[in-house]
Amino acid sequence: MFSKACEYGIKATLYIAEQSLHSEKKIGVKDISKAIDSPEAFTAKIMQILSRNKIVNSAKGPSGGFFIPKKNLEKIKLSVIVKAIDGDDIYVGCGLGLSQCNEEKPCPVHDQFKLVRDELAHMLTTTTLLELANGLDSGLTFLKR
């Protein structure tokens, strides 16, 4: 459902969010890419998108890197990350990829896919980075096997 870039973007943001729970330190692209099993150059491009969209903050210099102020963790929803990287297509696209699928002229899976899409939209717009970072921090969830 998500592009590879979006998957990596979500993982990178969650990794930074988890690190932000305990410290204000900035995390470099190399460490992020290693933590989420992503190619470094691809991770750098994704981090630029996340930074440009004010999802993560960045600082330049020898002690620079990416960070999320702890106070922002509860404000940032997963939907913001998805929109920044993949746009809004996940909320409106056809389950079979047909360009003409709509309420008046539905594809064979239109009604069932609409239910799934609506559930996904609800999850993305209500889930915060803080919730997910707490799961990672407690060991109940993981980003990398």
Protein backbone atom coordinates (compact mmCIF):
# COMPACT_ATOMS: atom_id res chain seq x y z
CA MET A 1 0.00 0.00 0.00
CA PHE A 2 2.83 2.41 0.80
CA SER A 3 5.74 3.12 -1.52
CA LYS A 4 9.18 1.94 -0.39
CA ALA A 5 10.11 5.58 0.24
CA CYS A 6 7.08 5.99 2.49
CA GLU A 7 7.88 2.79 4.40
CA TYR A 8 11.42 4.03 5.02
CA GLY A 9 10.11 7.49 5.91
CA ILE A 10 7.78 6.09 8.54
CA LYS A 11 10.51 3.85 9.96
CA ALA A 12 13.06 6.68 10.02
CA THR A 13 10.64 9.03 11.74
CA LEU A 14 9.75 6.38 14.31
CA TYR A 15 13.41 5.64 14.98
CA ILE A 16 14.10 9.34 15.57
CA ALA A 17 10.94 9.62 17.71
CA GLU A 18 12.06 6.73 19.92
CA GLN A 19 15.50 8.32 20.35
CA SER A 20 13.82 11.63 21.20
CA LEU A 21 11.99 10.11 24.16
CA HIS A 22 15.18 10.08 26.24
CA SER A 23 17.58 12.52 24.68
CA GLU A 24 17.87 15.66 22.61
CA LYS A 25 20.77 14.25 20.58
CA LYS A 26 20.71 14.55 16.82
CA ILE A 27 20.92 11.44 14.67
CA GLY A 28 22.87 11.29 11.42
CA VAL A 29 21.71 9.73 8.17
CA LYS A 30 24.23 6.90 8.49
CA ASP A 31 22.82 5.85 11.87
CA ILE A 32 19.23 6.16 10.65
CA SER A 33 19.85 4.07 7.53
CA LYS A 34 21.59 1.39 9.58
CA ALA A 35 18.80 1.32 12.17
CA ILE A 36 16.04 0.87 9.58
CA ASP A 37 17.94 -1.24 7.01
CA SER A 38 17.69 1.37 4.26
CA PRO A 39 20.26 2.48 1.65
CA GLU A 40 22.05 5.58 2.94
CA ALA A 41 21.59 7.74 -0.18
CA PHE A 42 17.88 6.88 -0.34
CA THR A 43 17.52 7.62 3.37
CA ALA A 44 19.17 11.03 2.86
CA LYS A 45 16.61 11.95 0.19
CA ILE A 46 13.73 10.82 2.38
CA MET A 47 15.11 12.80 5.31
CA GLN A 48 15.21 15.92 3.12
CA ILE A 49 11.50 15.46 2.36
CA LEU A 50 10.66 14.93 6.03
CA SER A 51 12.70 17.98 7.02
CA ARG A 52 11.22 20.18 4.27
CA ASN A 53 7.74 19.20 5.50
CA LYS A 54 8.71 20.05 9.10
CA ILE A 55 8.11 16.50 10.33
CA VAL A 56 11.69 16.23 11.58
CA ASN A 57 14.10 19.03 12.40
CA SER A 58 17.66 19.10 11.15
CA ALA A 59 20.84 20.77 12.29
CA LYS A 60 24.04 21.13 10.28
CA GLY A 61 27.60 20.83 11.45
CA PRO A 62 29.76 18.29 13.27
CA SER A 63 27.14 17.65 15.96
CA GLY A 64 24.25 17.99 13.53
CA GLY A 65 21.66 15.52 12.43
CA PHE A 66 17.92 14.95 12.66
CA PHE A 67 15.71 15.23 15.70
CA ILE A 68 12.11 15.73 16.79
CA PRO A 69 11.43 17.90 19.83
CA LYS A 70 9.74 15.74 22.47
CA LYS A 71 6.78 18.13 22.65
CA ASN A 72 6.02 17.46 18.96
CA LEU A 73 5.79 13.67 19.29
CA GLU A 74 2.15 13.79 20.37
CA LYS A 75 1.21 16.29 17.64
CA ILE A 76 2.62 14.44 14.62
CA LYS A 77 0.29 11.85 13.11
CA LEU A 78 1.29 9.11 10.68
CA SER A 79 -0.93 10.69 8.02
CA VAL A 80 1.42 13.69 7.82
CA ILE A 81 4.37 11.43 6.95
CA VAL A 82 2.38 9.50 4.33
CA LYS A 83 1.10 12.71 2.73
CA ALA A 84 4.59 14.24 2.60
CA ILE A 85 6.06 11.25 0.78
CA ASP A 86 3.23 9.51 -1.11
CA GLY A 87 0.62 12.26 -1.33
CA ASP A 88 -3.10 11.61 -0.94
CA ASP A 89 -3.47 8.76 -3.45
CA ILE A 90 -3.82 6.15 -0.70
CA TYR A 91 -7.12 7.77 0.32
CA VAL A 92 -8.67 7.97 -3.14
CA GLY A 93 -7.05 5.36 -5.38
CA CYS A 94 -8.82 2.35 -6.86
CA GLY A 95 -8.00 -1.05 -5.35
CA LEU A 96 -7.33 -2.39 -8.84
CA GLY A 97 -5.54 0.72 -10.07
CA LEU A 98 -8.27 1.71 -12.52
CA SER A 99 -8.40 5.40 -13.39
CA GLN A 100 -12.17 5.48 -14.03
CA CYS A 101 -13.31 3.76 -10.80
CA ASN A 102 -15.79 5.82 -8.75
CA GLU A 103 -19.13 5.60 -6.90
CA GLU A 104 -21.16 5.78 -10.13
CA LYS A 105 -18.97 3.33 -12.06
CA PRO A 106 -17.25 1.08 -9.47
CA CYS A 107 -14.69 -1.65 -10.12
CA PRO A 108 -15.44 -5.18 -8.78
CA VAL A 109 -13.70 -4.51 -5.43
CA HIS A 110 -14.70 -0.85 -5.02
CA ASP A 111 -17.04 -1.17 -2.04
CA GLN A 112 -14.83 -3.59 -0.08
CA PHE A 113 -11.66 -1.61 -0.83
CA LYS A 114 -13.34 1.65 0.21
CA LEU A 115 -13.96 0.14 3.67
CA VAL A 116 -10.29 -0.88 3.99
CA ARG A 117 -9.13 2.52 2.72
CA ASP A 118 -11.39 4.33 5.22
CA GLU A 119 -10.06 2.20 8.11
CA LEU A 120 -6.49 2.92 7.02
CA ALA A 121 -7.21 6.65 6.79
CA HIS A 122 -8.67 6.58 10.31
CA MET A 123 -5.61 4.75 11.69
CA LEU A 124 -3.18 7.14 9.99
CA THR A 125 -4.99 10.29 11.14
CA THR A 126 -5.37 9.18 14.76
CA THR A 127 -2.04 7.46 15.49
CA THR A 128 0.71 9.68 16.92
CA LEU A 129 4.46 9.26 16.87
CA LEU A 130 4.42 9.26 20.67
CA GLU A 131 2.18 6.17 20.81
CA LEU A 132 4.38 4.25 18.41
CA ALA A 133 7.67 5.45 19.93
CA ASN A 134 6.48 4.25 23.34
CA GLY A 135 5.81 0.80 21.87
CA LEU A 136 9.32 0.69 20.43
CA ASP A 137 10.85 1.96 23.64
CA SER A 138 9.11 -0.66 25.77
CA GLY A 139 10.16 -3.46 23.43
CA LEU A 140 6.58 -4.37 22.49
CA THR A 141 7.21 -3.44 18.86
CA PHE A 142 10.26 -3.34 16.60
CA LEU A 143 11.57 -1.71 13.41
CA LYS A 144 14.23 -4.20 12.44
CA ARG A 145 14.54 -7.92 13.00
